[in-house]
Amino acid sequence: GGELQPDNWTVNIRKKMGADRGAQLRYGKNIDGVRLKESLDGTITRLHILGYKNANIEPVNGGKDYIDSPNIGLYAQPIEGLVTFPEDDLPADLLSKVQAYLATVETPRISMTVDLAKVRGSVQYRHYKDLARVALRDTVTVYHQRLKIDIDARIQARTYSPVSGEN
């Protein structure tokens, strides 16, 4: 339920480390480069549903036994999956549960390495120094251009050069 913070021979447990200063990372603003590693394992863009005794959502979903993610057009073909709710047989209940489930699996897992541009000394960012500062375990928002979504991410590792002042 917490995060470990080592301090020499003492290990503290903190509820949450890092801050959320509202830092946003975007190409053309404060990013020199991004290396993405995207995994489609577990990603579903077309979800089929089965309930108790093969109940489905066809009566409340225009005769279709599946729902599509808004992200379905971002891929060459639909990525299909099946979810079962063995205790539910009402179509309306199944539809609400499957919509909530689809929201958790419709985007791929993404890990990224971001090269931040040196913006601290620029005139444009003079009034936003706290937003340009990013430290270990801070939360930042990275805009994913292909999916057209904002990704909230935590800084897991940081490399800083005191000589050049670059992250």
C-alpha atoms as a PDB file:
ATOM      1  CA  GLY A   1       0.000   0.000   0.000  1.00  0.00           C
ATOM      2  CA  GLY A   2       2.974   2.328  -0.219  1.00  0.00           C
ATOM      3  CA  GLU A   3       6.358   3.046  -1.776  1.00  0.00           C
ATOM      4  CA  LEU A   4       9.771   2.319  -0.305  1.00  0.00           C
ATOM      5  CA  GLN A   5      12.151   5.236   0.179  1.00  0.00           C
ATOM      6  CA  PRO A   6      15.663   4.112   1.127  1.00  0.00           C
ATOM      7  CA  ASP A   7      17.725   6.547   3.202  1.00  0.00           C
ATOM      8  CA  ASN A   8      21.118   4.983   3.909  1.00  0.00           C
ATOM      9  CA  TRP A   9      20.342   2.207   6.424  1.00  0.00           C
ATOM     10  CA  THR A  10      16.769   3.322   7.044  1.00  0.00           C
ATOM     11  CA  VAL A  11      13.933   2.331   4.743  1.00  0.00           C
ATOM     12  CA  ASN A  12      10.805   4.478   4.968  1.00  0.00           C
ATOM     13  CA  ILE A  13       7.391   3.634   3.576  1.00  0.00           C
ATOM     14  CA  ARG A  14       5.603   6.606   2.006  1.00  0.00           C
ATOM     15  CA  LYS A  15       2.026   6.661   0.806  1.00  0.00           C
ATOM     16  CA  LYS A  16       3.016   8.255  -2.531  1.00  0.00           C
ATOM     17  CA  MET A  17       6.323   9.704  -3.583  1.00  0.00           C
ATOM     18  CA  GLY A  18       6.779  12.338  -6.243  1.00  0.00           C
ATOM     19  CA  ALA A  19       4.563  15.238  -7.164  1.00  0.00           C
ATOM     20  CA  ASP A  20       2.042  16.012  -9.855  1.00  0.00           C
ATOM     21  CA  ARG A  21       2.930  19.524 -10.998  1.00  0.00           C
ATOM     22  CA  GLY A  22       0.869  19.258 -14.167  1.00  0.00           C
ATOM     23  CA  ALA A  23       3.892  18.750 -16.445  1.00  0.00           C
ATOM     24  CA  GLN A  24       2.876  17.916 -20.013  1.00  0.00           C
ATOM     25  CA  LEU A  25       5.292  16.409 -22.505  1.00  0.00           C
ATOM     26  CA  ARG A  26       4.647  16.991 -26.246  1.00  0.00           C
ATOM     27  CA  TYR A  27       6.631  16.998 -29.461  1.00  0.00           C
ATOM     28  CA  GLY A  28       7.588  20.522 -30.516  1.00  0.00           C
ATOM     29  CA  LYS A  29       7.225  21.856 -26.969  1.00  0.00           C
ATOM     30  CA  ASN A  30       9.581  20.139 -24.549  1.00  0.00           C
ATOM     31  CA  ILE A  31      10.481  16.767 -26.057  1.00  0.00           C
ATOM     32  CA  ASP A  32      13.579  16.129 -28.158  1.00  0.00           C
ATOM     33  CA  GLY A  33      12.744  12.482 -28.718  1.00  0.00           C
ATOM     34  CA  VAL A  34      10.616   9.579 -27.544  1.00  0.00           C
ATOM     35  CA  ARG A  35      11.323   5.873 -27.799  1.00  0.00           C
ATOM     36  CA  LEU A  36       8.124   3.878 -27.365  1.00  0.00           C
ATOM     37  CA  LYS A  37       7.783   0.207 -26.609  1.00  0.00           C
ATOM     38  CA  GLU A  38       4.203  -0.790 -27.285  1.00  0.00           C
ATOM     39  CA  SER A  39       2.706  -4.177 -26.444  1.00  0.00           C
ATOM     40  CA  LEU A  40      -0.656  -5.279 -27.805  1.00  0.00           C
ATOM     41  CA  ASP A  41      -0.784  -8.283 -25.439  1.00  0.00           C
ATOM     42  CA  GLY A  42      -4.177  -8.126 -23.746  1.00  0.00           C
ATOM     43  CA  THR A  43      -5.415  -5.249 -25.929  1.00  0.00           C
ATOM     44  CA  ILE A  44      -8.949  -5.711 -27.275  1.00  0.00           C
ATOM     45  CA  THR A  45     -10.806  -3.447 -29.703  1.00  0.00           C
ATOM     46  CA  ARG A  46     -13.824  -5.705 -30.415  1.00  0.00           C
ATOM     47  CA  LEU A  47     -15.231  -7.443 -27.355  1.00  0.00           C
ATOM     48  CA  HIS A  48     -17.692 -10.349 -27.482  1.00  0.00           C
ATOM     49  CA  ILE A  49     -19.830 -11.063 -24.422  1.00  0.00           C
ATOM     50  CA  LEU A  50     -21.363 -14.168 -22.890  1.00  0.00           C
ATOM     51  CA  GLY A  51     -23.507 -14.261 -19.780  1.00  0.00           C
ATOM     52  CA  TYR A  52     -25.392 -16.883 -17.786  1.00  0.00           C
ATOM     53  CA  LYS A  53     -26.638 -19.704 -20.087  1.00  0.00           C
ATOM     54  CA  ASN A  54     -25.196 -17.955 -23.188  1.00  0.00           C
ATOM     55  CA  ALA A  55     -27.040 -14.681 -22.554  1.00  0.00           C
ATOM     56  CA  ASN A  56     -25.677 -11.789 -24.607  1.00  0.00           C
ATOM     57  CA  ILE A  57     -26.319  -8.127 -25.438  1.00  0.00           C
ATOM     58  CA  GLU A  58     -27.944  -8.558 -28.876  1.00  0.00           C
ATOM     59  CA  PRO A  59     -31.419  -7.344 -27.742  1.00  0.00           C
ATOM     60  CA  VAL A  60     -30.015  -3.991 -26.513  1.00  0.00           C
ATOM     61  CA  ASN A  61     -27.152  -3.609 -29.000  1.00  0.00           C
ATOM     62  CA  GLY A  62     -28.789  -3.622 -32.431  1.00  0.00           C
ATOM     63  CA  GLY A  63     -28.459  -7.392 -32.889  1.00  0.00           C
ATOM     64  CA  LYS A  64     -24.672  -7.470 -32.368  1.00  0.00           C
ATOM     65  CA  ASP A  65     -23.156  -9.704 -29.698  1.00  0.00           C
ATOM     66  CA  TYR A  66     -20.075  -7.459 -29.403  1.00  0.00           C
ATOM     67  CA  ILE A  67     -19.085  -3.837 -28.813  1.00  0.00           C
ATOM     68  CA  ASP A  68     -16.301  -1.936 -30.531  1.00  0.00           C
ATOM     69  CA  SER A  69     -13.760   0.346 -28.926  1.00  0.00           C
ATOM     70  CA  PRO A  70     -13.419   3.928 -30.193  1.00  0.00           C
ATOM     71  CA  ASN A  71      -9.793   2.924 -30.955  1.00  0.00           C
ATOM     72  CA  ILE A  72     -10.784   0.159 -33.395  1.00  0.00           C
ATOM     73  CA  GLY A  73      -9.853   2.252 -36.461  1.00  0.00           C
ATOM     74  CA  LEU A  74      -6.277   2.748 -35.247  1.00  0.00           C
ATOM     75  CA  TYR A  75      -5.320  -0.814 -36.156  1.00  0.00           C
ATOM     76  CA  ALA A  76      -5.288  -2.711 -39.466  1.00  0.00           C
ATOM     77  CA  GLN A  77      -7.944  -5.118 -38.191  1.00  0.00           C
ATOM     78  CA  PRO A  78     -10.057  -5.496 -35.053  1.00  0.00           C
ATOM     79  CA  ILE A  79      -8.367  -7.194 -32.110  1.00  0.00           C
ATOM     80  CA  GLU A  80     -11.088  -9.502 -30.862  1.00  0.00           C
ATOM     81  CA  GLY A  81     -11.632 -10.848 -27.379  1.00  0.00           C
ATOM     82  CA  LEU A  82     -14.256 -12.567 -25.260  1.00  0.00           C
ATOM     83  CA  VAL A  83     -15.381 -11.879 -21.728  1.00  0.00           C
ATOM     84  CA  THR A  84     -17.869 -13.920 -19.739  1.00  0.00           C
ATOM     85  CA  PHE A  85     -20.072 -12.870 -16.865  1.00  0.00           C
ATOM     86  CA  PRO A  86     -21.455 -16.247 -15.701  1.00  0.00           C
ATOM     87  CA  GLU A  87     -23.770 -14.766 -13.062  1.00  0.00           C
ATOM     88  CA  ASP A  88     -25.558 -12.188 -15.273  1.00  0.00           C
ATOM     89  CA  ASP A  89     -28.315 -12.841 -17.779  1.00  0.00           C
ATOM     90  CA  LEU A  90     -29.942  -9.413 -18.236  1.00  0.00           C
ATOM     91  CA  PRO A  91     -28.736  -7.742 -21.464  1.00  0.00           C
ATOM     92  CA  ALA A  92     -28.695  -4.232 -19.969  1.00  0.00           C
ATOM     93  CA  ASP A  93     -26.548  -5.378 -17.028  1.00  0.00           C
ATOM     94  CA  LEU A  94     -24.204  -7.226 -19.371  1.00  0.00           C
ATOM     95  CA  LEU A  95     -23.849  -4.154 -21.591  1.00  0.00           C
ATOM     96  CA  SER A  96     -22.908  -1.846 -18.713  1.00  0.00           C
ATOM     97  CA  LYS A  97     -20.400  -4.349 -17.323  1.00  0.00           C
ATOM     98  CA  VAL A  98     -18.780  -4.986 -20.699  1.00  0.00           C
ATOM     99  CA  GLN A  99     -18.436  -1.255 -21.408  1.00  0.00           C
ATOM    100  CA  ALA A 100     -16.612  -0.812 -18.106  1.00  0.00           C
ATOM    101  CA  TYR A 101     -14.389  -3.810 -18.886  1.00  0.00           C
ATOM    102  CA  LEU A 102     -13.568  -2.618 -22.423  1.00  0.00           C
ATOM    103  CA  ALA A 103     -12.301   0.702 -21.037  1.00  0.00           C
ATOM    104  CA  THR A 104      -9.603  -1.242 -19.162  1.00  0.00           C
ATOM    105  CA  VAL A 105      -8.334  -3.251 -22.155  1.00  0.00           C
ATOM    106  CA  GLU A 106      -8.789  -1.015 -25.230  1.00  0.00           C
ATOM    107  CA  THR A 107      -5.389   0.693 -25.088  1.00  0.00           C
ATOM    108  CA  PRO A 108      -2.023  -1.046 -25.431  1.00  0.00           C
ATOM    109  CA  ARG A 109       0.651  -1.171 -22.738  1.00  0.00           C
ATOM    110  CA  ILE A 110       3.206   1.505 -23.494  1.00  0.00           C
ATOM    111  CA  SER A 111       6.576   2.149 -21.921  1.00  0.00           C
ATOM    112  CA  MET A 112       8.571   5.109 -23.104  1.00  0.00           C
ATOM    113  CA  THR A 113      11.895   6.822 -22.809  1.00  0.00           C
ATOM    114  CA  VAL A 114      11.564  10.572 -23.227  1.00  0.00           C
ATOM    115  CA  ASP A 115      14.432  12.952 -24.000  1.00  0.00           C
ATOM    116  CA  LEU A 116      13.402  16.290 -22.552  1.00  0.00           C
ATOM    117  CA  ALA A 117      14.449  19.464 -24.319  1.00  0.00           C
ATOM    118  CA  LYS A 118      16.308  22.066 -22.286  1.00  0.00           C
ATOM    119  CA  VAL A 119      13.519  24.541 -21.563  1.00  0.00           C
ATOM    120  CA  ARG A 120      14.451  25.937 -18.164  1.00  0.00           C
ATOM    121  CA  GLY A 121      16.534  28.781 -19.513  1.00  0.00           C
ATOM    122  CA  SER A 122      14.159  29.783 -22.300  1.00  0.00           C
ATOM    123  CA  VAL A 123      12.092  32.944 -22.151  1.00  0.00           C
ATOM    124  CA  GLN A 124       8.826  31.117 -22.852  1.00  0.00           C
ATOM    125  CA  TYR A 125       9.131  28.932 -19.761  1.00  0.00           C
ATOM    126  CA  ARG A 126      10.387  31.596 -17.343  1.00  0.00           C
ATOM    127  CA  HIS A 127       7.010  31.704 -15.551  1.00  0.00           C
ATOM    128  CA  TYR A 128       6.541  27.934 -15.604  1.00  0.00           C
ATOM    129  CA  LYS A 129       9.738  26.713 -13.940  1.00  0.00           C
ATOM    130  CA  ASP A 130       7.896  24.245 -11.709  1.00  0.00           C
ATOM    131  CA  LEU A 131       6.159  22.706 -14.729  1.00  0.00           C
ATOM    132  CA  ALA A 132       9.497  22.223 -16.501  1.00  0.00           C
ATOM    133  CA  ARG A 133      11.045  20.467 -13.500  1.00  0.00           C
ATOM    134  CA  VAL A 134      10.627  16.710 -13.526  1.00  0.00           C
ATOM    135  CA  ALA A 135      11.993  14.534 -10.734  1.00  0.00           C
ATOM    136  CA  LEU A 136      12.028  10.835  -9.966  1.00  0.00           C
ATOM    137  CA  ARG A 137       8.555   9.378  -9.242  1.00  0.00           C
ATOM    138  CA  ASP A 138       6.782  12.548 -10.413  1.00  0.00           C
ATOM    139  CA  THR A 139       3.631  12.151 -12.458  1.00  0.00           C
ATOM    140  CA  VAL A 140       3.650  13.646 -15.967  1.00  0.00           C
ATOM    141  CA  THR A 141       1.221  13.631 -18.884  1.00  0.00           C
ATOM    142  CA  VAL A 142       2.588  12.484 -22.245  1.00  0.00           C
ATOM    143  CA  TYR A 143       0.534  13.031 -25.397  1.00  0.00           C
ATOM    144  CA  HIS A 144       0.481   9.911 -27.614  1.00  0.00           C
ATOM    145  CA  GLN A 145       0.136  11.224 -31.177  1.00  0.00           C
ATOM    146  CA  ARG A 146      -1.076   8.050 -32.885  1.00  0.00           C
ATOM    147  CA  LEU A 147      -3.767   7.218 -30.307  1.00  0.00           C
ATOM    148  CA  LYS A 148      -4.560  10.926 -29.740  1.00  0.00           C
ATOM    149  CA  ILE A 149      -4.728  10.415 -25.971  1.00  0.00           C
ATOM    150  CA  ASP A 150      -2.959  11.768 -22.909  1.00  0.00           C
ATOM    151  CA  ILE A 151      -1.085   9.145 -20.903  1.00  0.00           C
ATOM    152  CA  ASP A 152      -0.476   9.751 -17.209  1.00  0.00           C
ATOM    153  CA  ALA A 153       2.902   8.242 -16.392  1.00  0.00           C
ATOM    154  CA  ARG A 154       5.244   8.174 -13.425  1.00  0.00           C
ATOM    155  CA  ILE A 155       8.941   8.829 -13.807  1.00  0.00           C
ATOM    156  CA  GLN A 156      10.630   5.491 -13.074  1.00  0.00           C
ATOM    157  CA  ALA A 157      14.199   6.507 -13.920  1.00  0.00           C
ATOM    158  CA  ARG A 158      15.921   9.813 -14.686  1.00  0.00           C
ATOM    159  CA  THR A 159      19.295  10.589 -16.210  1.00  0.00           C
ATOM    160  CA  TYR A 160      20.562  14.122 -15.651  1.00  0.00           C
ATOM    161  CA  SER A 161      23.809  15.703 -16.812  1.00  0.00           C
ATOM    162  CA  PRO A 162      24.897  18.524 -14.462  1.00  0.00           C
ATOM    163  CA  VAL A 163      27.405  19.693 -17.062  1.00  0.00           C
ATOM    164  CA  SER A 164      24.940  20.287 -19.887  1.00  0.00           C
ATOM    165  CA  GLY A 165      21.830  20.680 -17.712  1.00  0.00           C
ATOM    166  CA  GLU A 166      19.924  18.148 -19.824  1.00  0.00           C
ATOM    167  CA  ASN A 167      17.626  15.326 -18.754  1.00  0.00           C
END
